[in-house]
Amino acid sequence: MQLELNFNPKSTSKGKENDPQKVGHDLGVRAVLAGRLMQRGDTLVVQTELVDVDKGSQLWGEQYNRKLADILAVQEDISREISEKLRLRLTGEEKTRLTKRPTENMEAYDLYLQGRYYWNKRTEEGFNKAIEHFNQAIEKDPNYALAHAGLADSYIVRGNFSLLPPKEAYGKAREAAAKALELDDSLGEAHNALAAVKENYEWDWPGAEQEYKRAIELNPGYGTAHQWYGELLSGELGRHEEALAEIKRAQQLDPLSLVINAVHGKILMQAGQDDLAIATPRTPSRIPEFLHPLERRRPRHPHPQGSQSGVRQAAMVSTCPARRRR
């Protein structure tokens, strides 16, 4: 039995908390972990409850009062207590993954979170700050695989938005992704980054699909993996129904992501469902203003093997002026 717990920092909107039952029904899960974080000086107060989606009843609840430096230990305690409460039969590997710490260095952890914050802004300044923070996290902990994966993602989107020459952007992305995988081959984010390099620069679409599937297998709650895989399925492979299933799953995991919602509209258009695309909130025409200056075509570098797939890809690029909103 698989335990899938997804933390979404965007779980509230304009001060209104989401109903755990509604969230659970939208995600198609049996239980939802709801929580609230409060900081009092150097003390972190974490209030959590596990809610039965069908009955609306509390399966488990706890409050933790810990020092900020103990936040990783709190995550381990919550995961362990939930698995025990639900009497999950976990394999040794699953137990290890459930309580695994990505780093023991709290400064590196904080820098990584800041890097992801800037990365999600999808602006040139945001990408630059993300790279700065990921590099600082790596300086604090050179073995921090997630930070290397974040660095890879930053160069991928810079390449997608033509903010760096393709060879430089994707070369650095591949190097960072390879380092992340060297440190932790079970890291879904690293496989996802490698998939993006294979898709966007090497045009190795079978290889990209294999890596996207591996990323989702390792981390099924990673919305970006479902989003990017959906873009591959629709834009390159023409498998629109599968693509729509992936982007809808990404929306379930991160319903307030402007990028994911915009990509949903793009995939609907690629599938020939223009009316639905227009009616979809936050479709590409309604994407926030901060994304427009970064809209670019995929770089027109020669296909590595000069194959027919490269000719087909060039034609697709020329007919789709906004290929990537990653």
Protein backbone atom coordinates (compact mmCIF):
# COMPACT_ATOMS: atom_id res chain seq x y z
CA MET A 1 0.00 0.00 0.00
CA GLN A 2 1.44 3.35 -1.02
CA LEU A 3 1.34 6.39 1.21
CA GLU A 4 1.24 9.59 -0.79
CA LEU A 5 1.44 12.78 1.26
CA ASN A 6 1.66 16.03 -0.67
CA PHE A 7 2.54 19.33 0.95
CA ASN A 8 1.14 22.29 -0.94
CA PRO A 9 2.24 25.68 0.39
CA LYS A 10 -0.50 27.32 -1.68
CA SER A 11 -3.38 25.64 0.16
CA THR A 12 -5.15 28.87 1.07
CA SER A 13 -6.61 31.61 -1.08
CA LYS A 14 -7.28 35.16 0.12
CA GLY A 15 -7.23 34.01 3.73
CA LYS A 16 -9.79 31.26 3.22
CA GLU A 17 -8.75 27.74 4.09
CA ASN A 18 -9.65 24.90 1.77
CA ASP A 19 -12.03 22.22 3.01
CA PRO A 20 -9.97 19.03 3.54
CA GLN A 21 -12.91 16.86 2.36
CA LYS A 22 -13.26 18.81 -0.87
CA VAL A 23 -9.51 18.70 -1.46
CA GLY A 24 -9.53 14.95 -0.81
CA HIS A 25 -12.37 14.33 -3.23
CA ASP A 26 -10.63 16.46 -5.89
CA LEU A 27 -7.41 14.46 -5.45
CA GLY A 28 -9.20 11.11 -5.26
CA VAL A 29 -7.57 10.11 -1.96
CA ARG A 30 -8.87 8.52 1.24
CA ALA A 31 -7.27 10.90 3.71
CA VAL A 32 -5.88 14.43 3.71
CA LEU A 33 -3.23 15.85 6.02
CA ALA A 34 -4.11 19.42 6.98
CA GLY A 35 -1.77 21.62 8.93
CA ARG A 36 -0.92 25.08 10.13
CA LEU A 37 2.51 26.56 10.79
CA MET A 38 3.14 29.39 13.21
CA GLN A 39 6.47 30.90 14.21
CA ARG A 40 6.97 32.37 17.66
CA GLY A 41 10.49 33.67 17.96
CA ASP A 42 12.78 30.74 17.28
CA THR A 43 9.98 28.26 18.05
CA LEU A 44 7.89 26.64 15.34
CA VAL A 45 4.36 25.50 16.20
CA VAL A 46 3.00 22.83 13.86
CA GLN A 47 -0.66 21.85 14.18
CA THR A 48 -1.66 18.84 12.10
CA GLU A 49 -4.67 16.60 11.60
CA LEU A 50 -5.35 13.67 9.32
CA VAL A 51 -8.92 13.81 7.99
CA ASP A 52 -10.98 10.90 6.65
CA VAL A 53 -12.29 12.20 3.32
CA ASP A 54 -15.50 10.13 3.23
CA LYS A 55 -16.56 10.67 6.85
CA GLY A 56 -15.03 14.04 7.52
CA SER A 57 -13.74 12.74 10.83
CA GLN A 58 -10.29 13.16 12.32
CA LEU A 59 -8.11 10.06 12.09
CA TRP A 60 -5.21 11.62 13.96
CA GLY A 61 -4.09 14.99 15.23
CA GLU A 62 -1.05 16.42 16.98
CA GLN A 63 0.68 19.68 17.84
CA TYR A 64 4.45 20.03 17.76
CA ASN A 65 6.43 22.80 19.45
CA ARG A 66 9.98 22.66 18.20
CA LYS A 67 12.93 24.88 17.50
CA LEU A 68 13.23 26.00 13.89
CA ALA A 69 16.38 23.90 13.55
CA ASP A 70 14.30 20.77 14.26
CA ILE A 71 11.87 21.16 11.33
CA LEU A 72 13.26 18.11 9.52
CA ALA A 73 12.78 16.00 12.65
CA VAL A 74 9.15 17.17 12.82
CA GLN A 75 8.59 15.99 9.24
CA GLU A 76 9.96 12.58 10.17
CA ASP A 77 7.75 12.36 13.27
CA ILE A 78 4.62 13.26 11.30
CA SER A 79 5.35 10.71 8.56
CA ARG A 80 6.08 7.96 11.07
CA GLU A 81 3.02 8.61 13.23
CA ILE A 82 0.67 8.72 10.24
CA SER A 83 2.01 5.45 8.83
CA GLU A 84 1.57 3.82 12.24
CA LYS A 85 -1.93 5.27 12.67
CA LEU A 86 -3.06 3.99 9.29
CA ARG A 87 -1.29 0.67 9.92
CA LEU A 88 0.33 0.83 6.53
CA ARG A 89 2.34 -2.18 5.43
CA LEU A 90 5.45 -0.45 4.14
CA THR A 91 8.48 -2.11 2.64
CA GLY A 92 11.91 -1.31 4.02
CA GLU A 93 12.57 0.93 1.01
CA GLU A 94 9.29 2.81 1.51
CA LYS A 95 10.04 3.36 5.21
CA THR A 96 13.46 4.70 4.31
CA ARG A 97 12.03 7.09 1.71
CA LEU A 98 9.30 8.22 4.10
CA THR A 99 11.74 9.41 6.76
CA LYS A 100 14.68 10.25 4.53
CA ARG A 101 16.28 13.64 5.10
CA PRO A 102 17.43 15.39 1.92
CA THR A 103 20.08 17.22 3.93
CA GLU A 104 21.24 17.59 7.51
CA ASN A 105 22.17 21.23 6.99
CA MET A 106 19.29 23.56 7.85
CA GLU A 107 20.91 26.53 6.09
CA ALA A 108 21.14 24.50 2.89
CA TYR A 109 17.51 23.41 3.28
CA ASP A 110 16.37 27.02 3.73
CA LEU A 111 18.41 28.16 0.71
CA TYR A 112 16.86 25.39 -1.39
CA LEU A 113 13.33 26.47 -0.45
CA GLN A 114 14.18 30.07 -1.35
CA GLY A 115 15.59 28.87 -4.66
CA ARG A 116 12.33 27.11 -5.49
CA TYR A 117 10.41 30.23 -4.53
CA TYR A 118 12.36 32.34 -7.02
CA TRP A 119 12.26 29.59 -9.66
CA ASN A 120 8.48 29.57 -9.54
CA LYS A 121 8.32 33.30 -10.28
CA ARG A 122 9.22 32.53 -13.93
CA THR A 123 11.06 35.80 -14.48
CA GLU A 124 14.62 36.37 -15.60
CA GLU A 125 15.46 37.94 -12.26
CA GLY A 126 13.78 35.04 -10.49
CA PHE A 127 15.83 32.48 -12.42
CA ASN A 128 19.04 34.31 -11.59
CA LYS A 129 18.19 34.41 -7.89
CA ALA A 130 17.17 30.76 -7.98
CA ILE A 131 20.55 29.76 -9.41
CA GLU A 132 22.27 31.89 -6.77
CA HIS A 133 20.36 30.22 -3.93
CA PHE A 134 20.77 26.69 -5.27
CA ASN A 135 24.52 27.24 -5.61
CA GLN A 136 24.66 28.58 -2.06
CA ALA A 137 22.77 25.50 -0.85
CA ILE A 138 25.32 23.28 -2.63
CA GLU A 139 28.16 25.20 -1.00
CA LYS A 140 26.61 24.46 2.40
CA ASP A 141 26.05 20.80 1.52
CA PRO A 142 27.75 19.53 -1.68
CA ASN A 143 25.86 16.23 -1.34
CA TYR A 144 22.42 17.87 -1.36
CA ALA A 145 20.90 16.17 -4.43
CA LEU A 146 17.72 18.27 -4.45
CA ALA A 147 19.75 21.46 -4.73
CA HIS A 148 21.57 20.07 -7.77
CA ALA A 149 18.20 19.13 -9.30
CA GLY A 150 16.92 22.65 -8.63
CA LEU A 151 20.00 24.07 -10.35
CA ALA A 152 19.30 21.83 -13.35
CA ASP A 153 15.69 23.04 -13.51
CA SER A 154 16.85 26.66 -13.44
CA TYR A 155 19.09 26.20 -16.47
CA ILE A 156 16.36 24.24 -18.26
CA VAL A 157 13.85 27.08 -18.03
CA ARG A 158 16.52 29.62 -18.97
CA GLY A 159 17.15 27.55 -22.07
CA ASN A 160 13.43 27.22 -22.80
CA PHE A 161 12.99 30.99 -22.58
CA SER A 162 16.10 31.68 -24.71
CA LEU A 163 17.82 33.49 -21.86
CA LEU A 164 21.02 31.52 -22.50
CA PRO A 165 22.42 29.86 -25.63
CA PRO A 166 21.00 26.31 -25.82
CA LYS A 167 24.36 24.59 -25.62
CA GLU A 168 25.28 26.47 -22.45
CA ALA A 169 21.88 26.22 -20.77
CA TYR A 170 21.19 22.55 -21.40
CA GLY A 171 24.82 21.57 -20.97
CA LYS A 172 24.80 23.00 -17.45
CA ALA A 173 21.38 21.47 -16.82
CA ARG A 174 22.55 18.01 -17.82
CA GLU A 175 25.67 18.33 -15.67
CA ALA A 176 23.61 19.33 -12.61
CA ALA A 177 21.02 16.60 -13.22
CA ALA A 178 23.75 13.99 -13.59
CA LYS A 179 25.31 15.11 -10.31
CA ALA A 180 21.94 14.87 -8.55
CA LEU A 181 21.45 11.34 -9.87
CA GLU A 182 24.98 10.39 -8.86
CA LEU A 183 24.12 11.46 -5.32
CA ASP A 184 20.62 9.96 -5.26
CA ASP A 185 19.33 7.84 -8.13
CA SER A 186 15.93 7.59 -6.40
CA LEU A 187 15.26 11.33 -6.67
CA GLY A 188 12.29 11.97 -8.92
CA GLU A 189 13.19 15.63 -9.43
CA ALA A 190 16.58 14.65 -10.88
CA HIS A 191 15.06 12.17 -13.36
CA ASN A 192 12.55 14.85 -14.36
CA ALA A 193 15.35 17.35 -15.07
CA LEU A 194 17.23 14.80 -17.17
CA ALA A 195 14.02 14.07 -19.09
CA ALA A 196 13.64 17.77 -19.90
CA VAL A 197 17.18 17.94 -21.29
CA LYS A 198 16.52 14.89 -23.46
CA GLU A 199 13.27 16.41 -24.70
CA ASN A 200 14.19 20.04 -25.27
CA TYR A 201 17.81 19.81 -26.39
CA GLU A 202 18.70 16.29 -27.45
CA TRP A 203 15.26 15.58 -28.95
CA ASP A 204 15.48 12.06 -27.61
CA TRP A 205 11.75 11.73 -27.01
CA PRO A 206 11.68 8.00 -26.15
CA GLY A 207 14.47 8.63 -23.65
CA ALA A 208 12.64 11.66 -22.28
CA GLU A 209 9.43 9.68 -21.83
CA GLN A 210 11.29 6.95 -19.99
CA GLU A 211 12.81 9.48 -17.59
CA TYR A 212 9.50 11.29 -17.02
CA LYS A 213 7.83 7.98 -16.17
CA ARG A 214 10.64 7.14 -13.78
CA ALA A 215 10.32 10.55 -12.13
CA ILE A 216 6.59 10.07 -11.60
CA GLU A 217 7.11 6.53 -10.33
CA LEU A 218 9.57 7.80 -7.73
CA ASN A 219 7.60 10.93 -6.80
CA PRO A 220 3.96 10.68 -7.93
CA GLY A 221 3.13 13.89 -6.05
CA TYR A 222 5.54 16.05 -8.08
CA GLY A 223 3.27 18.28 -10.17
CA THR A 224 6.03 19.61 -12.44
CA ALA A 225 6.82 16.06 -13.63
CA HIS A 226 3.19 15.52 -14.66
CA GLN A 227 3.14 18.93 -16.35
CA TRP A 228 6.34 18.47 -18.34
CA TYR A 229 5.42 14.90 -19.29
CA GLY A 230 2.05 16.16 -20.49
CA GLU A 231 3.78 18.72 -22.69
CA LEU A 232 5.94 16.01 -24.24
CA LEU A 233 2.92 13.78 -24.87
CA SER A 234 0.95 16.55 -26.56
CA GLY A 235 3.54 18.74 -28.27
CA GLU A 236 5.93 16.07 -29.52
CA LEU A 237 4.10 12.73 -29.51
CA GLY A 238 0.57 13.83 -30.38
CA ARG A 239 -0.97 11.71 -27.59
CA HIS A 240 -3.37 14.39 -26.45
CA GLU A 241 -5.69 12.33 -24.27
CA GLU A 242 -2.76 11.05 -22.23
CA ALA A 243 -1.38 14.57 -22.08
CA LEU A 244 -4.66 15.93 -20.73
CA ALA A 245 -4.70 13.23 -18.05
CA GLU A 246 -1.19 14.26 -16.96
CA ILE A 247 -1.87 17.99 -16.87
CA LYS A 248 -5.10 17.42 -14.95
CA ARG A 249 -3.17 15.41 -12.39
CA ALA A 250 -0.67 18.28 -12.15
CA GLN A 251 -3.58 20.65 -11.52
CA GLN A 252 -4.92 18.40 -8.77
CA LEU A 253 -1.53 18.44 -7.08
CA ASP A 254 -1.02 22.20 -7.44
CA PRO A 255 -4.40 23.78 -8.31
CA LEU A 256 -3.22 27.38 -7.93
CA SER A 257 -0.14 27.09 -10.16
CA LEU A 258 -0.49 29.69 -12.90
CA VAL A 259 2.02 27.88 -15.10
CA ILE A 260 0.25 24.53 -14.86
CA ASN A 261 -3.13 26.11 -15.56
CA ALA A 262 -1.70 27.95 -18.57
CA VAL A 263 -0.20 24.74 -19.94
CA HIS A 264 -3.60 23.04 -19.54
CA GLY A 265 -5.03 25.62 -21.94
CA LYS A 266 -2.17 25.10 -24.38
CA ILE A 267 -2.62 21.32 -24.41
CA LEU A 268 -6.35 21.75 -25.03
CA MET A 269 -5.53 23.89 -28.07
CA GLN A 270 -3.00 21.35 -29.33
CA ALA A 271 -5.71 18.72 -28.99
CA GLY A 272 -8.02 20.81 -31.16
CA GLN A 273 -10.31 21.71 -28.25
CA ASP A 274 -10.11 25.47 -28.74
CA ASP A 275 -13.50 26.24 -27.18
CA LEU A 276 -12.56 24.44 -23.98
CA ALA A 277 -9.19 26.16 -23.98
CA ILE A 278 -10.80 29.59 -24.20
CA ALA A 279 -13.23 28.72 -21.41
CA THR A 280 -10.49 27.38 -19.13
CA PRO A 281 -9.40 29.82 -16.40
CA ARG A 282 -5.82 31.04 -16.74
CA THR A 283 -5.38 29.82 -20.30
CA PRO A 284 -2.33 31.16 -22.20
CA SER A 285 -4.19 34.31 -23.29
CA ARG A 286 -4.91 35.04 -19.62
CA ILE A 287 -1.50 34.20 -18.25
CA PRO A 288 -0.17 36.79 -15.79
CA GLU A 289 1.69 39.76 -17.20
CA PHE A 290 5.00 38.75 -15.63
CA LEU A 291 5.24 35.74 -17.96
CA HIS A 292 4.76 37.59 -21.24
CA PRO A 293 8.27 39.11 -21.50
CA LEU A 294 9.73 35.61 -21.28
CA GLU A 295 7.60 33.98 -23.96
CA ARG A 296 9.98 32.43 -26.49
CA ARG A 297 10.05 29.74 -29.08
CA ARG A 298 12.13 26.67 -28.49
CA PRO A 299 15.68 27.45 -29.63
CA ARG A 300 16.24 26.47 -33.27
CA HIS A 301 19.46 24.55 -32.82
CA PRO A 302 20.21 21.72 -35.26
CA HIS A 303 18.98 18.26 -34.35
CA PRO A 304 21.99 16.27 -33.02
CA GLN A 305 21.54 13.50 -35.57
CA GLY A 306 20.00 15.62 -38.32
CA SER A 307 17.13 13.14 -38.48
CA GLN A 308 13.62 13.51 -39.87
CA SER A 309 12.38 14.07 -36.33
CA GLY A 310 14.40 17.27 -36.35
CA VAL A 311 12.67 18.41 -39.54
CA ARG A 312 9.29 17.65 -38.01
CA GLN A 313 10.20 19.47 -34.83
CA ALA A 314 11.34 22.57 -36.71
CA ALA A 315 8.00 22.66 -38.51
CA MET A 316 6.12 22.32 -35.23
CA VAL A 317 8.12 25.13 -33.67
CA SER A 318 7.46 27.46 -36.56
CA THR A 319 3.69 26.94 -36.24
CA CYS A 320 3.53 27.29 -32.47
CA PRO A 321 4.88 30.66 -31.31
CA ALA A 322 4.56 29.87 -27.58
CA ARG A 323 5.90 26.39 -27.18
CA ARG A 324 6.98 26.45 -23.56
CA ARG A 325 5.60 28.18 -20.52
CA ARG A 326 7.62 26.27 -18.00
